[in-house]
Amino acid sequence: MYESNIIWLLKQLNISLDQYGREEMKDEDITPSQGWVLNYLFSCGEQAKYATDIHAESGISRAAISSILKGLKKGGYIEMRAVSGDDRKKGITLTAKAYRAREMIESVLKRQMERLCSGLSGEELELFTYTLNRMISNIKTDCVKEE
C-alpha cells in the first residue's frame, strides 16, 4: 500500500502542476509542457537546438517531444529547419513571439517553484531531489531490463 500511495501522490502533484500551469499560461495559449520546452530552449542561448537534445535532457519520449514541438510551431513560437546532411534532424529556432512570451513563462515557472517548495528547508529539498532522481533512475533501469 505504501508504494501505491507514493504513486498516487506523485500523480496528484503532476495533475496540480499541470492545472496551475494551464491556468497561468492560458493567455499565451501555451501548455505547461510547451512552456517548459520553451524555457529549456531559452536556456540554450545561441547554441544549436534539436529535438534529440530536449529528449536527452528531459527523458520525455521522442513522440511527446515531437507533439510539443508541433504545437509550438503551429502557435508561432518556433521555426524548424532541415539540417544539411541529415534529413531527419531539424534545427529549432525561437521566434520573436517566443521571446515576447519569455518573461511570462519564466515568471510562471518561478512562482510555481516557489509555491511548490514553500516551507521546505534546503536540506529537505536536497533529499527530495536526490530521492526523485533515484526513483527516475530505478524506473529507467527496470525499463531497460524488461526490453
N, C-alpha and C. Protein backbone atom coordinates (compact mmCIF):
# COMPACT_ATOMS: atom_id res chain seq x y z
N MET A 1 0.83 -1.21 0.00
CA MET A 1 0.00 0.00 0.00
C MET A 1 0.86 1.26 0.00
N TYR A 2 2.00 1.22 0.71
CA TYR A 2 2.88 2.38 0.81
C TYR A 2 3.35 2.83 -0.57
N GLU A 3 3.78 1.87 -1.40
CA GLU A 3 4.28 2.21 -2.72
C GLU A 3 3.20 2.84 -3.59
N SER A 4 1.99 2.30 -3.53
CA SER A 4 0.92 2.86 -4.36
C SER A 4 0.55 4.26 -3.88
N ASN A 5 0.72 4.54 -2.59
CA ASN A 5 0.46 5.88 -2.07
C ASN A 5 1.44 6.88 -2.68
N ILE A 6 2.71 6.49 -2.83
CA ILE A 6 3.70 7.36 -3.45
C ILE A 6 3.31 7.65 -4.90
N ILE A 7 2.92 6.62 -5.61
CA ILE A 7 2.49 6.80 -7.00
C ILE A 7 1.29 7.75 -7.06
N TRP A 8 0.33 7.56 -6.17
CA TRP A 8 -0.85 8.41 -6.14
C TRP A 8 -0.48 9.86 -5.83
N LEU A 9 0.41 10.06 -4.86
CA LEU A 9 0.83 11.41 -4.50
C LEU A 9 1.57 12.08 -5.66
N LEU A 10 2.44 11.34 -6.34
CA LEU A 10 3.15 11.90 -7.49
C LEU A 10 2.15 12.26 -8.60
N LYS A 11 1.16 11.42 -8.80
CA LYS A 11 0.14 11.70 -9.83
C LYS A 11 -0.64 12.97 -9.45
N GLN A 12 -1.03 13.08 -8.19
CA GLN A 12 -1.75 14.28 -7.74
C GLN A 12 -0.90 15.54 -7.94
N LEU A 13 0.37 15.44 -7.60
CA LEU A 13 1.28 16.57 -7.77
C LEU A 13 1.38 16.96 -9.25
N ASN A 14 1.54 15.98 -10.10
CA ASN A 14 1.63 16.23 -11.54
C ASN A 14 0.36 16.91 -12.06
N ILE A 15 -0.78 16.41 -11.65
CA ILE A 15 -2.06 17.00 -12.08
C ILE A 15 -2.18 18.44 -11.58
N SER A 16 -1.81 18.67 -10.32
CA SER A 16 -1.89 20.03 -9.76
C SER A 16 -0.96 20.98 -10.50
N LEU A 17 0.26 20.54 -10.77
CA LEU A 17 1.20 21.38 -11.51
C LEU A 17 0.67 21.69 -12.91
N ASP A 18 0.08 20.70 -13.55
CA ASP A 18 -0.46 20.89 -14.89
C ASP A 18 -1.64 21.88 -14.88
N GLN A 19 -2.54 21.71 -13.91
CA GLN A 19 -3.70 22.61 -13.82
C GLN A 19 -3.25 24.05 -13.55
N TYR A 20 -2.32 24.22 -12.62
CA TYR A 20 -1.80 25.55 -12.31
C TYR A 20 -1.15 26.16 -13.55
N GLY A 21 -0.31 25.38 -14.22
CA GLY A 21 0.38 25.87 -15.41
C GLY A 21 -0.58 26.25 -16.52
N ARG A 22 -1.60 25.43 -16.74
CA ARG A 22 -2.58 25.74 -17.79
C ARG A 22 -3.30 27.05 -17.51
N GLU A 23 -3.69 27.25 -16.26
CA GLU A 23 -4.38 28.48 -15.88
C GLU A 23 -3.47 29.69 -16.05
N GLU A 24 -2.24 29.58 -15.62
CA GLU A 24 -1.29 30.69 -15.69
C GLU A 24 -0.86 31.04 -17.11
N MET A 25 -0.84 30.05 -18.01
CA MET A 25 -0.32 30.27 -19.36
C MET A 25 -1.42 30.37 -20.42
N LYS A 26 -2.68 30.39 -19.97
CA LYS A 26 -3.77 30.37 -20.94
C LYS A 26 -3.80 31.59 -21.85
N ASP A 27 -3.34 32.75 -21.39
CA ASP A 27 -3.37 33.95 -22.22
C ASP A 27 -2.46 33.82 -23.44
N GLU A 28 -1.37 33.07 -23.30
CA GLU A 28 -0.44 32.85 -24.41
C GLU A 28 -0.80 31.60 -25.20
N ASP A 29 -1.81 30.85 -24.72
CA ASP A 29 -2.22 29.60 -25.35
C ASP A 29 -1.06 28.61 -25.43
N ILE A 30 -0.36 28.47 -24.30
CA ILE A 30 0.78 27.56 -24.17
C ILE A 30 0.44 26.54 -23.09
N THR A 31 0.72 25.28 -23.36
CA THR A 31 0.56 24.25 -22.34
C THR A 31 1.76 24.29 -21.40
N PRO A 32 1.62 23.73 -20.20
CA PRO A 32 2.78 23.68 -19.30
C PRO A 32 3.98 22.97 -19.94
N SER A 33 3.75 21.91 -20.66
CA SER A 33 4.86 21.20 -21.32
C SER A 33 5.53 22.09 -22.37
N GLN A 34 4.73 22.83 -23.10
CA GLN A 34 5.30 23.75 -24.10
C GLN A 34 6.09 24.85 -23.40
N GLY A 35 5.59 25.34 -22.28
CA GLY A 35 6.30 26.36 -21.52
C GLY A 35 7.63 25.84 -21.02
N TRP A 36 7.64 24.59 -20.54
CA TRP A 36 8.89 24.00 -20.06
C TRP A 36 9.90 23.88 -21.21
N VAL A 37 9.42 23.42 -22.38
CA VAL A 37 10.32 23.26 -23.52
C VAL A 37 10.84 24.62 -23.98
N LEU A 38 9.98 25.62 -24.04
CA LEU A 38 10.46 26.95 -24.41
C LEU A 38 11.49 27.45 -23.41
N ASN A 39 11.26 27.24 -22.13
CA ASN A 39 12.22 27.67 -21.12
C ASN A 39 13.55 26.95 -21.31
N TYR A 40 13.51 25.67 -21.63
CA TYR A 40 14.74 24.94 -21.90
C TYR A 40 15.45 25.54 -23.12
N LEU A 41 14.70 25.84 -24.17
CA LEU A 41 15.29 26.42 -25.38
C LEU A 41 15.91 27.78 -25.10
N PHE A 42 15.25 28.59 -24.25
CA PHE A 42 15.82 29.89 -23.87
C PHE A 42 17.17 29.68 -23.18
N SER A 43 17.25 28.65 -22.34
CA SER A 43 18.47 28.41 -21.57
C SER A 43 19.64 27.97 -22.44
N CYS A 44 19.36 27.53 -23.65
CA CYS A 44 20.43 27.07 -24.56
C CYS A 44 21.20 28.22 -25.18
N GLY A 45 20.68 29.42 -25.06
CA GLY A 45 21.35 30.58 -25.65
C GLY A 45 21.43 30.46 -27.16
N GLU A 46 22.59 30.75 -27.70
CA GLU A 46 22.77 30.76 -29.15
C GLU A 46 23.17 29.41 -29.73
N GLN A 47 23.43 28.42 -28.87
CA GLN A 47 23.84 27.12 -29.41
C GLN A 47 22.70 26.46 -30.18
N ALA A 48 23.05 25.60 -31.12
CA ALA A 48 22.06 24.91 -31.95
C ALA A 48 21.14 24.06 -31.05
N LYS A 49 19.89 24.01 -31.42
CA LYS A 49 18.90 23.28 -30.64
C LYS A 49 18.20 22.24 -31.52
N TYR A 50 18.03 21.03 -30.97
CA TYR A 50 17.41 19.93 -31.71
C TYR A 50 16.48 19.16 -30.78
N ALA A 51 15.50 18.50 -31.36
CA ALA A 51 14.56 17.69 -30.58
C ALA A 51 15.29 16.62 -29.78
N THR A 52 16.34 16.05 -30.35
CA THR A 52 17.09 15.00 -29.64
C THR A 52 17.71 15.54 -28.35
N ASP A 53 18.11 16.80 -28.35
CA ASP A 53 18.67 17.41 -27.14
C ASP A 53 17.61 17.52 -26.05
N ILE A 54 16.41 17.92 -26.44
CA ILE A 54 15.32 18.06 -25.47
C ILE A 54 14.98 16.68 -24.89
N HIS A 55 14.91 15.68 -25.75
CA HIS A 55 14.64 14.31 -25.31
C HIS A 55 15.71 13.85 -24.32
N ALA A 56 16.98 14.05 -24.67
CA ALA A 56 18.08 13.60 -23.82
C ALA A 56 18.07 14.33 -22.48
N GLU A 57 17.79 15.61 -22.49
CA GLU A 57 17.80 16.41 -21.27
C GLU A 57 16.62 16.08 -20.35
N SER A 58 15.46 15.83 -20.94
CA SER A 58 14.24 15.68 -20.15
C SER A 58 13.84 14.23 -19.87
N GLY A 59 14.24 13.33 -20.77
CA GLY A 59 13.78 11.95 -20.64
C GLY A 59 12.38 11.75 -21.16
N ILE A 60 11.78 12.81 -21.69
CA ILE A 60 10.44 12.72 -22.28
C ILE A 60 10.57 11.99 -23.61
N SER A 61 9.59 11.16 -23.93
CA SER A 61 9.66 10.35 -25.15
C SER A 61 9.81 11.23 -26.39
N ARG A 62 10.41 10.66 -27.42
CA ARG A 62 10.57 11.38 -28.69
C ARG A 62 9.22 11.77 -29.27
N ALA A 63 8.24 10.87 -29.13
CA ALA A 63 6.90 11.16 -29.66
C ALA A 63 6.27 12.36 -28.95
N ALA A 64 6.42 12.41 -27.63
CA ALA A 64 5.86 13.53 -26.87
C ALA A 64 6.58 14.83 -27.22
N ILE A 65 7.90 14.78 -27.34
CA ILE A 65 8.67 15.97 -27.73
C ILE A 65 8.21 16.44 -29.10
N SER A 66 8.04 15.51 -30.03
CA SER A 66 7.58 15.86 -31.37
C SER A 66 6.23 16.56 -31.33
N SER A 67 5.32 16.05 -30.52
CA SER A 67 3.99 16.65 -30.38
C SER A 67 4.07 18.06 -29.79
N ILE A 68 4.90 18.23 -28.76
CA ILE A 68 5.07 19.55 -28.14
C ILE A 68 5.63 20.53 -29.16
N LEU A 69 6.65 20.11 -29.91
CA LEU A 69 7.26 21.00 -30.90
C LEU A 69 6.29 21.35 -32.02
N LYS A 70 5.46 20.40 -32.43
CA LYS A 70 4.45 20.69 -33.47
C LYS A 70 3.49 21.76 -32.98
N GLY A 71 3.08 21.65 -31.71
CA GLY A 71 2.20 22.66 -31.14
C GLY A 71 2.85 24.03 -31.06
N LEU A 72 4.12 24.06 -30.69
CA LEU A 72 4.85 25.33 -30.62
C LEU A 72 5.03 25.93 -32.01
N LYS A 73 5.29 25.09 -32.98
CA LYS A 73 5.42 25.57 -34.36
C LYS A 73 4.09 26.13 -34.86
N LYS A 74 3.02 25.39 -34.61
CA LYS A 74 1.69 25.83 -35.03
C LYS A 74 1.31 27.15 -34.36
N GLY A 75 1.73 27.32 -33.10
CA GLY A 75 1.43 28.55 -32.36
C GLY A 75 2.34 29.71 -32.72
N GLY A 76 3.35 29.45 -33.55
CA GLY A 76 4.24 30.53 -33.98
C GLY A 76 5.39 30.81 -33.03
N TYR A 77 5.68 29.88 -32.11
CA TYR A 77 6.73 30.11 -31.12
C TYR A 77 8.10 29.63 -31.60
N ILE A 78 8.10 28.68 -32.52
CA ILE A 78 9.37 28.17 -33.04
C ILE A 78 9.27 27.97 -34.55
N GLU A 79 10.43 27.91 -35.17
CA GLU A 79 10.54 27.51 -36.57
C GLU A 79 11.49 26.33 -36.59
N MET A 80 11.27 25.43 -37.53
CA MET A 80 12.13 24.26 -37.65
C MET A 80 12.69 24.21 -39.06
N ARG A 81 13.99 23.92 -39.15
CA ARG A 81 14.62 23.86 -40.46
C ARG A 81 15.44 22.58 -40.57
N ALA A 82 15.50 22.05 -41.78
CA ALA A 82 16.27 20.83 -42.01
C ALA A 82 17.76 21.11 -41.84
N VAL A 83 18.47 20.13 -41.33
CA VAL A 83 19.91 20.22 -41.15
C VAL A 83 20.57 19.55 -42.34
N SER A 84 21.47 20.27 -42.99
CA SER A 84 22.12 19.69 -44.17
C SER A 84 22.90 18.44 -43.77
N GLY A 85 22.75 17.42 -44.57
CA GLY A 85 23.44 16.16 -44.31
C GLY A 85 22.62 15.17 -43.50
N ASP A 86 21.51 15.60 -42.90
CA ASP A 86 20.67 14.70 -42.12
C ASP A 86 19.22 15.15 -42.24
N ASP A 87 18.49 14.54 -43.15
CA ASP A 87 17.10 14.94 -43.41
C ASP A 87 16.18 14.72 -42.21
N ARG A 88 16.57 13.81 -41.32
CA ARG A 88 15.72 13.51 -40.16
C ARG A 88 15.87 14.56 -39.06
N LYS A 89 17.00 15.23 -39.01
CA LYS A 89 17.29 16.18 -37.95
C LYS A 89 16.82 17.58 -38.34
N LYS A 90 16.11 18.21 -37.42
CA LYS A 90 15.61 19.56 -37.66
C LYS A 90 16.11 20.50 -36.57
N GLY A 91 16.67 21.62 -36.99
CA GLY A 91 17.11 22.64 -36.06
C GLY A 91 15.92 23.47 -35.60
N ILE A 92 15.94 23.88 -34.35
CA ILE A 92 14.83 24.65 -33.77
C ILE A 92 15.30 26.08 -33.54
N THR A 93 14.51 27.03 -34.02
CA THR A 93 14.79 28.44 -33.83
C THR A 93 13.61 29.09 -33.13
N LEU A 94 13.89 29.84 -32.09
CA LEU A 94 12.84 30.58 -31.39
C LEU A 94 12.44 31.80 -32.21
N THR A 95 11.15 32.12 -32.22
CA THR A 95 10.66 33.27 -32.96
C THR A 95 10.53 34.48 -32.03
N ALA A 96 10.24 35.61 -32.62
CA ALA A 96 10.01 36.84 -31.83
C ALA A 96 8.85 36.64 -30.87
N LYS A 97 7.83 35.89 -31.29
CA LYS A 97 6.69 35.62 -30.42
C LYS A 97 7.13 34.86 -29.17
N ALA A 98 8.04 33.92 -29.33
CA ALA A 98 8.55 33.17 -28.18
C ALA A 98 9.27 34.12 -27.22
N TYR A 99 10.10 34.98 -27.78
CA TYR A 99 10.84 35.92 -26.92
C TYR A 99 9.91 36.89 -26.20
N ARG A 100 8.79 37.26 -26.84
CA ARG A 100 7.81 38.13 -26.18
C ARG A 100 7.14 37.41 -25.01
N ALA A 101 7.00 36.09 -25.10
CA ALA A 101 6.35 35.30 -24.04
C ALA A 101 7.34 34.86 -22.95
N ARG A 102 8.62 35.09 -23.18
CA ARG A 102 9.65 34.59 -22.28
C ARG A 102 9.47 35.03 -20.83
N GLU A 103 9.26 36.31 -20.63
CA GLU A 103 9.12 36.82 -19.26
C GLU A 103 7.95 36.16 -18.55
N MET A 104 6.82 36.01 -19.24
CA MET A 104 5.65 35.38 -18.64
C MET A 104 5.96 33.93 -18.28
N ILE A 105 6.60 33.19 -19.18
CA ILE A 105 6.92 31.78 -18.94
C ILE A 105 7.85 31.65 -17.74
N GLU A 106 8.90 32.44 -17.71
CA GLU A 106 9.86 32.38 -16.61
C GLU A 106 9.19 32.77 -15.29
N SER A 107 8.31 33.74 -15.32
CA SER A 107 7.60 34.18 -14.13
C SER A 107 6.67 33.09 -13.60
N VAL A 108 5.94 32.45 -14.50
CA VAL A 108 5.03 31.37 -14.10
C VAL A 108 5.83 30.22 -13.49
N LEU A 109 6.91 29.82 -14.14
CA LEU A 109 7.72 28.72 -13.63
C LEU A 109 8.34 29.06 -12.28
N LYS A 110 8.78 30.30 -12.11
CA LYS A 110 9.36 30.73 -10.83
C LYS A 110 8.30 30.69 -9.72
N ARG A 111 7.10 31.24 -10.00
CA ARG A 111 6.02 31.22 -9.00
C ARG A 111 5.62 29.79 -8.67
N GLN A 112 5.57 28.95 -9.68
CA GLN A 112 5.20 27.56 -9.48
C GLN A 112 6.23 26.87 -8.56
N MET A 113 7.50 27.12 -8.80
CA MET A 113 8.56 26.52 -7.99
C MET A 113 8.50 27.05 -6.56
N GLU A 114 8.26 28.35 -6.40
CA GLU A 114 8.16 28.93 -5.06
C GLU A 114 6.99 28.33 -4.29
N ARG A 115 5.86 28.19 -4.97
CA ARG A 115 4.68 27.60 -4.33
C ARG A 115 4.95 26.15 -3.95
N LEU A 116 5.56 25.44 -4.86
CA LEU A 116 5.85 24.01 -4.66
C LEU A 116 6.79 23.79 -3.47
N CYS A 117 7.77 24.66 -3.32
CA CYS A 117 8.82 24.46 -2.30
C CYS A 117 8.60 25.28 -1.04
N SER A 118 7.50 25.98 -0.96
CA SER A 118 7.22 26.83 0.19
C SER A 118 7.28 26.03 1.50
N GLY A 119 8.05 26.56 2.47
CA GLY A 119 8.12 25.94 3.78
C GLY A 119 9.09 24.77 3.88
N LEU A 120 9.75 24.42 2.79
CA LEU A 120 10.72 23.32 2.82
C LEU A 120 12.12 23.87 3.02
N SER A 121 12.89 23.21 3.84
CA SER A 121 14.27 23.64 4.07
C SER A 121 15.15 23.21 2.91
N GLY A 122 16.33 23.81 2.83
CA GLY A 122 17.29 23.42 1.81
C GLY A 122 17.64 21.94 1.91
N GLU A 123 17.78 21.45 3.13
CA GLU A 123 18.09 20.04 3.36
C GLU A 123 16.96 19.14 2.86
N GLU A 124 15.71 19.52 3.14
CA GLU A 124 14.56 18.74 2.67
C GLU A 124 14.51 18.72 1.14
N LEU A 125 14.76 19.88 0.52
CA LEU A 125 14.74 19.95 -0.94
C LEU A 125 15.86 19.10 -1.55
N GLU A 126 17.02 19.13 -0.92
CA GLU A 126 18.15 18.34 -1.42
C GLU A 126 17.83 16.84 -1.33
N LEU A 127 17.26 16.41 -0.22
CA LEU A 127 16.90 15.00 -0.05
C LEU A 127 15.79 14.61 -1.02
N PHE A 128 14.81 15.48 -1.18
CA PHE A 128 13.70 15.20 -2.09
C PHE A 128 14.20 15.09 -3.54
N THR A 129 15.08 16.00 -3.94
CA THR A 129 15.64 15.96 -5.29
C THR A 129 16.42 14.67 -5.49
N TYR A 130 17.23 14.32 -4.51
CA TYR A 130 18.00 13.07 -4.59
C TYR A 130 17.05 11.87 -4.72
N THR A 131 16.01 11.85 -3.90
CA THR A 131 15.06 10.73 -3.91
C THR A 131 14.33 10.62 -5.24
N LEU A 132 13.87 11.75 -5.77
CA LEU A 132 13.19 11.72 -7.07
C LEU A 132 14.12 11.23 -8.17
N ASN A 133 15.36 11.72 -8.17
CA ASN A 133 16.32 11.26 -9.18
C ASN A 133 16.58 9.77 -9.05
N ARG A 134 16.65 9.25 -7.83
CA ARG A 134 16.83 7.81 -7.61
C ARG A 134 15.64 7.04 -8.17
N MET A 135 14.43 7.54 -7.91
CA MET A 135 13.22 6.87 -8.40
C MET A 135 13.20 6.85 -9.93
N ILE A 136 13.56 7.97 -10.54
CA ILE A 136 13.61 8.04 -12.00
C ILE A 136 14.63 7.05 -12.54
N SER A 137 15.79 7.01 -11.91
CA SER A 137 16.83 6.07 -12.33
C SER A 137 16.36 4.63 -12.17
N ASN A 138 15.66 4.33 -11.08
CA ASN A 138 15.13 2.98 -10.86
C ASN A 138 14.16 2.58 -11.97
N ILE A 139 13.27 3.50 -12.33
CA ILE A 139 12.29 3.23 -13.38
C ILE A 139 13.00 2.99 -14.71
N LYS A 140 13.94 3.85 -15.04
CA LYS A 140 14.66 3.72 -16.31
C LYS A 140 15.45 2.42 -16.35
N THR A 141 16.10 2.06 -15.24
CA THR A 141 16.87 0.81 -15.18
C THR A 141 15.97 -0.38 -15.37
N ASP A 142 14.82 -0.39 -14.71
CA ASP A 142 13.88 -1.50 -14.85
C ASP A 142 13.32 -1.60 -16.24
N CYS A 143 13.06 -0.46 -16.88
CA CYS A 143 12.54 -0.46 -18.24
C CYS A 143 13.56 -1.05 -19.22
N VAL A 144 14.82 -0.75 -19.02
CA VAL A 144 15.89 -1.28 -19.89
C VAL A 144 16.00 -2.78 -19.70
N LYS A 145 15.90 -3.25 -18.44
CA LYS A 145 15.98 -4.69 -18.16
C LYS A 145 14.86 -5.46 -18.85
N GLU A 146 13.64 -4.86 -18.91
CA GLU A 146 12.49 -5.52 -19.48
C GLU A 146 12.54 -5.63 -20.99
N GLU A 147 13.29 -4.76 -21.65
CA GLU A 147 13.35 -4.76 -23.11
C GLU A 147 14.18 -5.89 -23.56
